[in-house]
Amino acid sequence: MKPLVVYYSHSGNNEKLALELRDRIGCNMYEIKEKKKRKDISILFDVLTKRNSRLAPLEFDVSGYGPIILLAPIWAGKIAAPMRTFIKMEKDKLTNYSFITLCSGRTGQGEKILAELSSLTPKQPTTVSELWINNLLPEEQRNKIKYATNFRVEKQHMQQFDEQIQFFIEMALHTEKEEALL
């Protein structure tokens, strides 16, 4: 089966990461879209109420792909609501998947993401990875939410995450290579 990148991006940062992964892997890529354009304030409501997003109809079926690479921002320590809604809808089809995010970054957040994914699907992800925007900011701006949320990633920033991205790809595709050998 062929790998697939499925992403949601509110600011465009995770879309740039999705494009980077697509180009490196040479696979298809699909965007999770909402029925209505999201306002920043609705992110807060989603986090507080744990409500599901209203997604636009999906134009693809994950059943024909594998492994699946999921990308989305992290909002207040939680997977962005549109991706969380997608995962709930497709949970039984996500048997070989990984998750990566371009987020502000916090110590211990990776374990929380893994726990959230494990509660949303019957199967744990192959790997979970975070690329921290805080690592791109000048020292005096690090760990300040206003700088991290307003930061827009460019192509040259992806180069700073090169080793992490390559390691993630190797881990995410590892299961596929093992199965091909059997």
N, C-alpha and C. Protein backbone atom coordinates (compact mmCIF):
# COMPACT_ATOMS: atom_id res chain seq x y z
N MET A 1 0.85 -1.19 0.00
CA MET A 1 0.00 0.00 0.00
C MET A 1 0.88 1.24 0.00
N LYS A 2 0.31 2.33 -0.42
CA LYS A 2 1.06 3.58 -0.55
C LYS A 2 0.80 4.47 0.68
N PRO A 3 1.86 5.13 1.19
CA PRO A 3 1.67 6.05 2.32
C PRO A 3 0.77 7.23 1.93
N LEU A 4 0.18 7.84 2.95
CA LEU A 4 -0.70 8.99 2.75
C LEU A 4 -0.46 9.99 3.87
N VAL A 5 -0.39 11.27 3.52
CA VAL A 5 -0.30 12.35 4.49
C VAL A 5 -1.68 13.01 4.56
N VAL A 6 -2.24 13.07 5.77
CA VAL A 6 -3.51 13.74 6.02
C VAL A 6 -3.24 14.83 7.04
N TYR A 7 -3.62 16.07 6.70
CA TYR A 7 -3.27 17.17 7.59
C TYR A 7 -4.40 18.16 7.78
N TYR A 8 -4.32 18.86 8.90
CA TYR A 8 -5.13 20.04 9.16
C TYR A 8 -4.16 21.14 9.56
N SER A 9 -4.38 22.34 9.03
CA SER A 9 -3.51 23.46 9.37
C SER A 9 -4.34 24.72 9.46
N HIS A 10 -4.30 25.35 10.62
CA HIS A 10 -5.05 26.60 10.81
C HIS A 10 -4.23 27.80 10.32
N SER A 11 -2.96 27.84 10.66
CA SER A 11 -2.11 29.00 10.34
C SER A 11 -1.32 28.82 9.05
N GLY A 12 -1.25 27.58 8.55
CA GLY A 12 -0.42 27.30 7.39
C GLY A 12 0.88 26.60 7.74
N ASN A 13 1.27 26.62 9.02
CA ASN A 13 2.53 26.00 9.43
C ASN A 13 2.52 24.49 9.20
N ASN A 14 1.48 23.82 9.63
CA ASN A 14 1.42 22.36 9.46
C ASN A 14 1.22 21.98 7.99
N GLU A 15 0.64 22.86 7.20
CA GLU A 15 0.55 22.60 5.77
C GLU A 15 1.95 22.57 5.15
N LYS A 16 2.81 23.47 5.56
CA LYS A 16 4.19 23.47 5.04
C LYS A 16 4.92 22.19 5.44
N LEU A 17 4.66 21.71 6.64
CA LEU A 17 5.25 20.44 7.07
C LEU A 17 4.68 19.29 6.24
N ALA A 18 3.38 19.31 5.97
CA ALA A 18 2.75 18.27 5.15
C ALA A 18 3.36 18.25 3.75
N LEU A 19 3.58 19.41 3.18
CA LEU A 19 4.20 19.49 1.85
C LEU A 19 5.62 18.93 1.88
N GLU A 20 6.35 19.23 2.93
CA GLU A 20 7.71 18.71 3.09
C GLU A 20 7.69 17.19 3.15
N LEU A 21 6.79 16.63 3.94
CA LEU A 21 6.69 15.17 4.05
C LEU A 21 6.27 14.55 2.72
N ARG A 22 5.29 15.14 2.08
CA ARG A 22 4.84 14.63 0.78
C ARG A 22 5.99 14.59 -0.22
N ASP A 23 6.76 15.67 -0.27
CA ASP A 23 7.88 15.74 -1.22
C ASP A 23 8.97 14.71 -0.89
N ARG A 24 9.24 14.51 0.38
CA ARG A 24 10.28 13.56 0.77
C ARG A 24 9.85 12.11 0.55
N ILE A 25 8.59 11.81 0.83
CA ILE A 25 8.10 10.44 0.74
C ILE A 25 7.64 10.11 -0.67
N GLY A 26 7.10 11.12 -1.37
CA GLY A 26 6.54 10.89 -2.69
C GLY A 26 5.19 10.21 -2.60
N CYS A 27 4.29 10.78 -1.82
CA CYS A 27 2.98 10.17 -1.60
C CYS A 27 1.87 11.19 -1.82
N ASN A 28 0.64 10.73 -1.75
CA ASN A 28 -0.52 11.62 -1.83
C ASN A 28 -0.68 12.37 -0.52
N MET A 29 -1.41 13.48 -0.60
CA MET A 29 -1.63 14.32 0.57
C MET A 29 -3.07 14.86 0.49
N TYR A 30 -3.76 14.82 1.63
CA TYR A 30 -5.11 15.37 1.69
C TYR A 30 -5.25 16.29 2.89
N GLU A 31 -6.03 17.35 2.68
CA GLU A 31 -6.27 18.33 3.74
C GLU A 31 -7.64 18.10 4.35
N ILE A 32 -7.69 18.14 5.67
CA ILE A 32 -8.96 18.12 6.41
C ILE A 32 -9.48 19.55 6.39
N LYS A 33 -10.70 19.73 5.91
CA LYS A 33 -11.29 21.07 5.82
C LYS A 33 -12.56 21.12 6.65
N GLU A 34 -12.80 22.29 7.20
CA GLU A 34 -14.04 22.50 7.95
C GLU A 34 -15.09 23.15 7.05
N LYS A 35 -16.35 22.99 7.42
CA LYS A 35 -17.44 23.56 6.62
C LYS A 35 -17.37 25.08 6.61
N LYS A 36 -17.00 25.67 7.73
CA LYS A 36 -16.89 27.13 7.84
C LYS A 36 -15.47 27.51 8.24
N LYS A 37 -15.02 28.67 7.75
CA LYS A 37 -13.69 29.15 8.12
C LYS A 37 -13.64 29.39 9.63
N ARG A 38 -12.62 28.89 10.26
CA ARG A 38 -12.46 28.96 11.71
C ARG A 38 -11.93 30.33 12.13
N LYS A 39 -12.51 30.86 13.21
CA LYS A 39 -12.00 32.08 13.83
C LYS A 39 -11.14 31.68 15.02
N ASP A 40 -10.15 32.48 15.32
CA ASP A 40 -9.22 32.15 16.41
C ASP A 40 -9.93 31.90 17.74
N ILE A 41 -10.97 32.64 18.04
CA ILE A 41 -11.67 32.49 19.31
C ILE A 41 -12.32 31.11 19.42
N SER A 42 -12.69 30.53 18.29
CA SER A 42 -13.34 29.21 18.33
C SER A 42 -12.38 28.12 18.80
N ILE A 43 -11.09 28.35 18.65
CA ILE A 43 -10.10 27.39 19.14
C ILE A 43 -10.25 27.25 20.65
N LEU A 44 -10.39 28.36 21.34
CA LEU A 44 -10.56 28.35 22.80
C LEU A 44 -11.81 27.57 23.19
N PHE A 45 -12.92 27.82 22.50
CA PHE A 45 -14.16 27.11 22.81
C PHE A 45 -14.01 25.61 22.57
N ASP A 46 -13.32 25.25 21.49
CA ASP A 46 -13.11 23.83 21.20
C ASP A 46 -12.31 23.16 22.31
N VAL A 47 -11.28 23.83 22.79
CA VAL A 47 -10.44 23.27 23.84
C VAL A 47 -11.25 23.12 25.14
N LEU A 48 -12.02 24.14 25.48
CA LEU A 48 -12.78 24.12 26.73
C LEU A 48 -13.93 23.12 26.71
N THR A 49 -14.61 23.00 25.57
CA THR A 49 -15.80 22.17 25.51
C THR A 49 -15.56 20.79 24.88
N LYS A 50 -14.38 20.58 24.31
CA LYS A 50 -14.04 19.32 23.63
C LYS A 50 -15.04 18.99 22.53
N ARG A 51 -15.56 20.01 21.89
CA ARG A 51 -16.57 19.78 20.85
C ARG A 51 -15.91 19.30 19.55
N ASN A 52 -16.70 18.58 18.78
CA ASN A 52 -16.26 18.10 17.48
C ASN A 52 -16.39 19.21 16.44
N SER A 53 -15.56 19.17 15.43
CA SER A 53 -15.63 20.13 14.33
C SER A 53 -16.64 19.64 13.30
N ARG A 54 -17.13 20.57 12.52
CA ARG A 54 -18.00 20.23 11.41
C ARG A 54 -17.14 20.22 10.17
N LEU A 55 -16.78 19.03 9.74
CA LEU A 55 -15.87 18.87 8.61
C LEU A 55 -16.60 18.88 7.28
N ALA A 56 -15.91 19.41 6.28
CA ALA A 56 -16.41 19.31 4.91
C ALA A 56 -16.33 17.83 4.52
N PRO A 57 -17.14 17.40 3.57
CA PRO A 57 -17.09 15.99 3.15
C PRO A 57 -15.67 15.59 2.72
N LEU A 58 -15.27 14.40 3.12
CA LEU A 58 -13.95 13.90 2.76
C LEU A 58 -13.95 13.48 1.30
N GLU A 59 -12.87 13.81 0.62
CA GLU A 59 -12.74 13.47 -0.80
C GLU A 59 -11.78 12.30 -1.00
N PHE A 60 -11.59 11.51 0.03
CA PHE A 60 -10.68 10.38 -0.04
C PHE A 60 -11.09 9.34 0.98
N ASP A 61 -10.56 8.13 0.81
CA ASP A 61 -10.83 7.03 1.74
C ASP A 61 -9.48 6.50 2.20
N VAL A 62 -9.23 6.53 3.49
CA VAL A 62 -7.93 6.10 4.01
C VAL A 62 -7.72 4.60 3.88
N SER A 63 -8.78 3.85 3.61
CA SER A 63 -8.67 2.39 3.54
C SER A 63 -7.66 1.90 2.52
N GLY A 64 -7.49 2.62 1.44
CA GLY A 64 -6.59 2.20 0.39
C GLY A 64 -5.14 2.62 0.58
N TYR A 65 -4.83 3.17 1.74
CA TYR A 65 -3.49 3.70 1.99
C TYR A 65 -2.89 3.11 3.26
N GLY A 66 -1.60 3.20 3.36
CA GLY A 66 -0.92 2.83 4.57
C GLY A 66 0.59 2.86 4.35
N PRO A 67 1.32 3.31 5.31
CA PRO A 67 0.86 3.92 6.55
C PRO A 67 0.27 5.33 6.33
N ILE A 68 -0.52 5.74 7.29
CA ILE A 68 -1.14 7.07 7.27
C ILE A 68 -0.33 7.97 8.19
N ILE A 69 0.02 9.15 7.70
CA ILE A 69 0.73 10.14 8.52
C ILE A 69 -0.24 11.28 8.77
N LEU A 70 -0.56 11.51 10.03
CA LEU A 70 -1.47 12.57 10.44
C LEU A 70 -0.67 13.76 10.95
N LEU A 71 -1.08 14.97 10.54
CA LEU A 71 -0.44 16.21 10.99
C LEU A 71 -1.50 17.20 11.43
N ALA A 72 -1.27 17.86 12.53
CA ALA A 72 -2.19 18.90 12.99
C ALA A 72 -1.51 19.72 14.07
N PRO A 73 -1.98 20.94 14.28
CA PRO A 73 -1.46 21.72 15.40
C PRO A 73 -1.93 21.16 16.74
N ILE A 74 -1.29 21.62 17.77
CA ILE A 74 -1.68 21.28 19.14
C ILE A 74 -2.21 22.56 19.77
N TRP A 75 -3.44 22.47 20.28
CA TRP A 75 -4.07 23.63 20.90
C TRP A 75 -4.24 23.35 22.38
N ALA A 76 -3.53 24.10 23.21
CA ALA A 76 -3.59 23.96 24.68
C ALA A 76 -3.35 22.50 25.09
N GLY A 77 -2.36 21.88 24.47
CA GLY A 77 -1.99 20.53 24.83
C GLY A 77 -2.84 19.43 24.22
N LYS A 78 -3.78 19.79 23.34
CA LYS A 78 -4.68 18.82 22.71
C LYS A 78 -4.55 18.89 21.19
N ILE A 79 -4.80 17.77 20.55
CA ILE A 79 -4.80 17.73 19.09
C ILE A 79 -5.92 18.65 18.60
N ALA A 80 -5.63 19.46 17.58
CA ALA A 80 -6.62 20.40 17.04
C ALA A 80 -7.93 19.69 16.75
N ALA A 81 -9.04 20.35 17.09
CA ALA A 81 -10.37 19.76 16.99
C ALA A 81 -10.69 19.16 15.61
N PRO A 82 -10.35 19.81 14.50
CA PRO A 82 -10.69 19.19 13.21
C PRO A 82 -9.99 17.83 13.01
N MET A 83 -8.74 17.71 13.41
CA MET A 83 -8.05 16.43 13.27
C MET A 83 -8.62 15.42 14.25
N ARG A 84 -8.93 15.85 15.46
CA ARG A 84 -9.52 14.94 16.44
C ARG A 84 -10.84 14.39 15.92
N THR A 85 -11.66 15.24 15.29
CA THR A 85 -12.92 14.80 14.71
C THR A 85 -12.68 13.79 13.59
N PHE A 86 -11.71 14.07 12.72
CA PHE A 86 -11.35 13.15 11.65
C PHE A 86 -10.93 11.80 12.22
N ILE A 87 -10.09 11.81 13.23
CA ILE A 87 -9.61 10.56 13.84
C ILE A 87 -10.79 9.76 14.41
N LYS A 88 -11.71 10.43 15.06
CA LYS A 88 -12.89 9.73 15.59
C LYS A 88 -13.71 9.09 14.47
N MET A 89 -13.85 9.82 13.36
CA MET A 89 -14.63 9.30 12.23
C MET A 89 -13.96 8.10 11.57
N GLU A 90 -12.65 8.11 11.51
CA GLU A 90 -11.90 7.10 10.76
C GLU A 90 -11.16 6.11 11.67
N LYS A 91 -11.45 6.11 12.95
CA LYS A 91 -10.66 5.35 13.92
C LYS A 91 -10.47 3.88 13.57
N ASP A 92 -11.48 3.24 13.03
CA ASP A 92 -11.35 1.82 12.72
C ASP A 92 -10.47 1.56 11.50
N LYS A 93 -10.26 2.58 10.67
CA LYS A 93 -9.42 2.45 9.48
C LYS A 93 -7.97 2.83 9.77
N LEU A 94 -7.72 3.44 10.91
CA LEU A 94 -6.37 3.88 11.25
C LEU A 94 -5.64 2.76 11.99
N THR A 95 -5.23 1.77 11.25
CA THR A 95 -4.54 0.63 11.86
C THR A 95 -3.02 0.76 11.78
N ASN A 96 -2.54 1.59 10.88
CA ASN A 96 -1.10 1.82 10.73
C ASN A 96 -0.90 3.31 10.49
N TYR A 97 -0.73 4.06 11.57
CA TYR A 97 -0.64 5.51 11.44
C TYR A 97 0.40 6.08 12.40
N SER A 98 0.84 7.29 12.07
CA SER A 98 1.77 8.06 12.90
C SER A 98 1.25 9.49 12.98
N PHE A 99 1.76 10.23 13.93
CA PHE A 99 1.32 11.61 14.11
C PHE A 99 2.54 12.50 14.28
N ILE A 100 2.53 13.65 13.59
CA ILE A 100 3.58 14.65 13.75
C ILE A 100 2.92 16.02 13.78
N THR A 101 3.50 16.93 14.52
CA THR A 101 2.96 18.27 14.64
C THR A 101 4.07 19.31 14.64
N LEU A 102 3.74 20.45 14.10
CA LEU A 102 4.58 21.63 14.22
C LEU A 102 3.84 22.52 15.20
N CYS A 103 4.36 22.65 16.41
CA CYS A 103 3.63 23.31 17.49
C CYS A 103 4.60 24.16 18.31
N SER A 104 4.06 24.93 19.25
CA SER A 104 4.92 25.78 20.07
C SER A 104 5.89 24.94 20.88
N GLY A 105 5.42 23.86 21.45
CA GLY A 105 6.29 22.94 22.17
C GLY A 105 6.28 23.14 23.68
N ARG A 106 6.10 22.04 24.37
CA ARG A 106 6.14 22.03 25.84
C ARG A 106 6.68 20.68 26.29
N THR A 107 7.44 20.69 27.35
CA THR A 107 7.96 19.45 27.90
C THR A 107 6.81 18.56 28.36
N GLY A 108 6.87 17.30 28.01
CA GLY A 108 5.84 16.35 28.40
C GLY A 108 4.64 16.30 27.49
N GLN A 109 4.58 17.17 26.50
CA GLN A 109 3.42 17.25 25.61
C GLN A 109 3.31 16.00 24.73
N GLY A 110 4.43 15.44 24.32
CA GLY A 110 4.42 14.25 23.47
C GLY A 110 3.68 13.09 24.11
N GLU A 111 3.87 12.91 25.41
CA GLU A 111 3.18 11.83 26.12
C GLU A 111 1.68 12.08 26.15
N LYS A 112 1.27 13.35 26.27
CA LYS A 112 -0.15 13.69 26.27
C LYS A 112 -0.77 13.44 24.91
N ILE A 113 -0.02 13.75 23.85
CA ILE A 113 -0.52 13.51 22.49
C ILE A 113 -0.70 12.01 22.28
N LEU A 114 0.29 11.22 22.69
CA LEU A 114 0.20 9.77 22.57
C LEU A 114 -1.00 9.23 23.33
N ALA A 115 -1.23 9.72 24.54
CA ALA A 115 -2.37 9.27 25.34
C ALA A 115 -3.69 9.65 24.66
N GLU A 116 -3.75 10.86 24.10
CA GLU A 116 -4.98 11.28 23.42
C GLU A 116 -5.24 10.41 22.19
N LEU A 117 -4.22 10.16 21.39
CA LEU A 117 -4.38 9.31 20.22
C LEU A 117 -4.82 7.90 20.62
N SER A 118 -4.23 7.38 21.68
CA SER A 118 -4.57 6.04 22.15
C SER A 118 -6.01 5.96 22.65
N SER A 119 -6.54 7.06 23.15
CA SER A 119 -7.93 7.06 23.61
C SER A 119 -8.91 7.24 22.45
N LEU A 120 -8.45 7.79 21.33
CA LEU A 120 -9.32 8.03 20.19
C LEU A 120 -9.41 6.86 19.22
N THR A 121 -8.39 6.01 19.22
CA THR A 121 -8.34 4.90 18.26
C THR A 121 -8.08 3.59 18.98
N PRO A 122 -8.47 2.47 18.36
CA PRO A 122 -8.20 1.18 18.99
C PRO A 122 -6.71 0.80 18.98
N LYS A 123 -5.93 1.43 18.09
CA LYS A 123 -4.52 1.08 17.96
C LYS A 123 -3.63 2.30 18.21
N GLN A 124 -2.52 2.08 18.90
CA GLN A 124 -1.57 3.16 19.15
C GLN A 124 -0.84 3.53 17.87
N PRO A 125 -0.41 4.79 17.76
CA PRO A 125 0.36 5.19 16.59
C PRO A 125 1.73 4.52 16.58
N THR A 126 2.29 4.38 15.38
CA THR A 126 3.63 3.83 15.23
C THR A 126 4.64 4.75 15.89
N THR A 127 4.48 6.06 15.67
CA THR A 127 5.37 7.05 16.27
C THR A 127 4.64 8.38 16.39
N VAL A 128 5.09 9.20 17.32
CA VAL A 128 4.56 10.55 17.53
C VAL A 128 5.76 11.48 17.62
N SER A 129 5.69 12.60 16.92
CA SER A 129 6.81 13.54 16.92
C SER A 129 6.30 14.97 16.96
N GLU A 130 7.07 15.81 17.63
CA GLU A 130 6.77 17.24 17.72
C GLU A 130 7.96 18.02 17.19
N LEU A 131 7.69 19.00 16.35
CA LEU A 131 8.70 19.96 15.93
C LEU A 131 8.34 21.27 16.61
N TRP A 132 9.22 21.76 17.45
CA TRP A 132 8.90 22.90 18.30
C TRP A 132 9.25 24.23 17.67
N ILE A 133 8.25 25.07 17.50
CA ILE A 133 8.46 26.44 17.03
C ILE A 133 9.33 27.20 18.03
N ASN A 134 9.20 26.88 19.31
CA ASN A 134 10.04 27.54 20.33
C ASN A 134 11.52 27.43 19.99
N ASN A 135 11.93 26.35 19.35
CA ASN A 135 13.34 26.17 18.99
C ASN A 135 13.77 27.07 17.85
N LEU A 136 12.81 27.67 17.15
CA LEU A 136 13.12 28.59 16.05
C LEU A 136 13.15 30.04 16.51
N LEU A 137 12.59 30.31 17.67
CA LEU A 137 12.47 31.68 18.17
C LEU A 137 13.75 32.14 18.88
N PRO A 138 14.00 33.46 18.87
CA PRO A 138 15.11 33.98 19.68
C PRO A 138 14.85 33.68 21.16
N GLU A 139 15.89 33.51 21.92
CA GLU A 139 15.80 33.12 23.33
C GLU A 139 14.78 33.95 24.12
N GLU A 140 14.75 35.26 23.90
CA GLU A 140 13.86 36.14 24.67
C GLU A 140 12.38 35.96 24.31
N GLN A 141 12.09 35.30 23.19
CA GLN A 141 10.70 35.07 22.78
C GLN A 141 10.20 33.66 23.07
N ARG A 142 11.07 32.79 23.50
CA ARG A 142 10.69 31.40 23.73
C ARG A 142 9.72 31.27 24.90
N ASN A 143 8.82 30.28 24.78
CA ASN A 143 7.82 29.97 25.81
C ASN A 143 6.86 31.12 26.06
N LYS A 144 6.69 31.97 25.06
CA LYS A 144 5.70 33.04 25.14
C LYS A 144 4.71 32.79 23.99
N ILE A 145 3.49 32.47 24.36
CA ILE A 145 2.49 32.01 23.41
C ILE A 145 2.27 32.99 22.26
N LYS A 146 2.34 34.28 22.52
CA LYS A 146 2.06 35.25 21.45
C LYS A 146 3.09 35.16 20.33
N TYR A 147 4.32 34.84 20.66
CA TYR A 147 5.35 34.72 19.63
C TYR A 147 5.22 33.40 18.88
N ALA A 148 4.94 32.35 19.59
CA ALA A 148 4.83 31.03 18.96
C ALA A 148 3.62 30.96 18.04
N THR A 149 2.48 31.49 18.47
CA THR A 149 1.27 31.39 17.65
C THR A 149 1.32 32.30 16.42
N ASN A 150 2.07 33.37 16.50
CA ASN A 150 2.16 34.29 15.36
C ASN A 150 3.31 33.96 14.41
N PHE A 151 4.14 33.00 14.76
CA PHE A 151 5.29 32.64 13.94
C PHE A 151 4.83 31.87 12.70
N ARG A 152 5.33 32.24 11.55
CA ARG A 152 5.00 31.54 10.31
C ARG A 152 6.27 30.88 9.76
N VAL A 153 6.18 29.60 9.58
CA VAL A 153 7.31 28.78 9.14
C VAL A 153 7.55 28.99 7.65
N GLU A 154 8.81 29.05 7.29
CA GLU A 154 9.23 29.13 5.89
C GLU A 154 10.07 27.90 5.55
N LYS A 155 10.37 27.73 4.28
CA LYS A 155 11.11 26.56 3.81
C LYS A 155 12.44 26.39 4.56
N GLN A 156 13.15 27.49 4.81
CA GLN A 156 14.45 27.39 5.49
C GLN A 156 14.32 26.87 6.93
N HIS A 157 13.17 27.06 7.55
CA HIS A 157 12.96 26.54 8.91
C HIS A 157 12.88 25.02 8.90
N MET A 158 12.32 24.46 7.84
CA MET A 158 12.23 23.00 7.74
C MET A 158 13.62 22.37 7.76
N GLN A 159 14.60 23.07 7.21
CA GLN A 159 15.97 22.56 7.20
C GLN A 159 16.49 22.40 8.63
N GLN A 160 16.05 23.24 9.54
CA GLN A 160 16.48 23.13 10.94
C GLN A 160 15.90 21.89 11.62
N PHE A 161 14.82 21.37 11.07
CA PHE A 161 14.20 20.17 11.61
C PHE A 161 14.55 18.93 10.78
N ASP A 162 15.51 19.04 9.89
CA ASP A 162 15.82 17.98 8.93
C ASP A 162 16.01 16.62 9.59
N GLU A 163 16.84 16.53 10.61
CA GLU A 163 17.11 15.23 11.25
C GLU A 163 15.86 14.67 11.91
N GLN A 164 15.08 15.52 12.58
CA GLN A 164 13.85 15.06 13.22
C GLN A 164 12.84 14.56 12.19
N ILE A 165 12.71 15.28 11.09
CA ILE A 165 11.77 14.88 10.04
C ILE A 165 12.21 13.55 9.44
N GLN A 166 13.49 13.42 9.15
CA GLN A 166 13.99 12.18 8.55
C GLN A 166 13.79 11.00 9.50
N PHE A 167 14.05 11.19 10.78
CA PHE A 167 13.85 10.12 11.76
C PHE A 167 12.37 9.74 11.84
N PHE A 168 11.49 10.74 11.85
CA PHE A 168 10.05 10.48 11.88
C PHE A 168 9.63 9.65 10.67
N ILE A 169 10.08 10.04 9.48
CA ILE A 169 9.73 9.31 8.26
C ILE A 169 10.18 7.86 8.36
N GLU A 170 11.41 7.65 8.80
CA GLU A 170 11.93 6.28 8.93
C GLU A 170 11.08 5.45 9.90
N MET A 171 10.70 6.06 11.02
CA MET A 171 9.87 5.35 12.00
C MET A 171 8.46 5.10 11.45
N ALA A 172 7.86 6.10 10.82
CA ALA A 172 6.50 5.98 10.31
C ALA A 172 6.40 4.94 9.19
N LEU A 173 7.43 4.84 8.37
CA LEU A 173 7.40 3.91 7.24
C LEU A 173 8.01 2.56 7.58
N HIS A 174 8.56 2.44 8.77
CA HIS A 174 9.25 1.22 9.19
C HIS A 174 8.36 -0.01 9.11
N THR A 175 7.13 0.09 9.59
CA THR A 175 6.20 -1.03 9.60
C THR A 175 5.94 -1.52 8.18
N GLU A 176 5.80 -0.57 7.24
CA GLU A 176 5.56 -0.93 5.84
C GLU A 176 6.74 -1.75 5.29
N LYS A 177 7.95 -1.36 5.61
CA LYS A 177 9.12 -2.08 5.11
C LYS A 177 9.19 -3.48 5.71
N GLU A 178 8.86 -3.60 6.99
CA GLU A 178 8.86 -4.92 7.65
C GLU A 178 7.86 -5.85 7.00
N GLU A 179 6.65 -5.33 6.72
CA GLU A 179 5.60 -6.15 6.12
C GLU A 179 5.99 -6.58 4.71
N ALA A 180 6.71 -5.74 3.97
CA ALA A 180 7.13 -6.07 2.62
C ALA A 180 8.14 -7.22 2.62
N LEU A 181 8.90 -7.35 3.70
CA LEU A 181 9.88 -8.41 3.80
C LEU A 181 9.26 -9.77 4.14
N LEU A 182 8.08 -9.75 4.72
CA LEU A 182 7.42 -11.00 5.14
C LEU A 182 6.83 -11.78 3.99
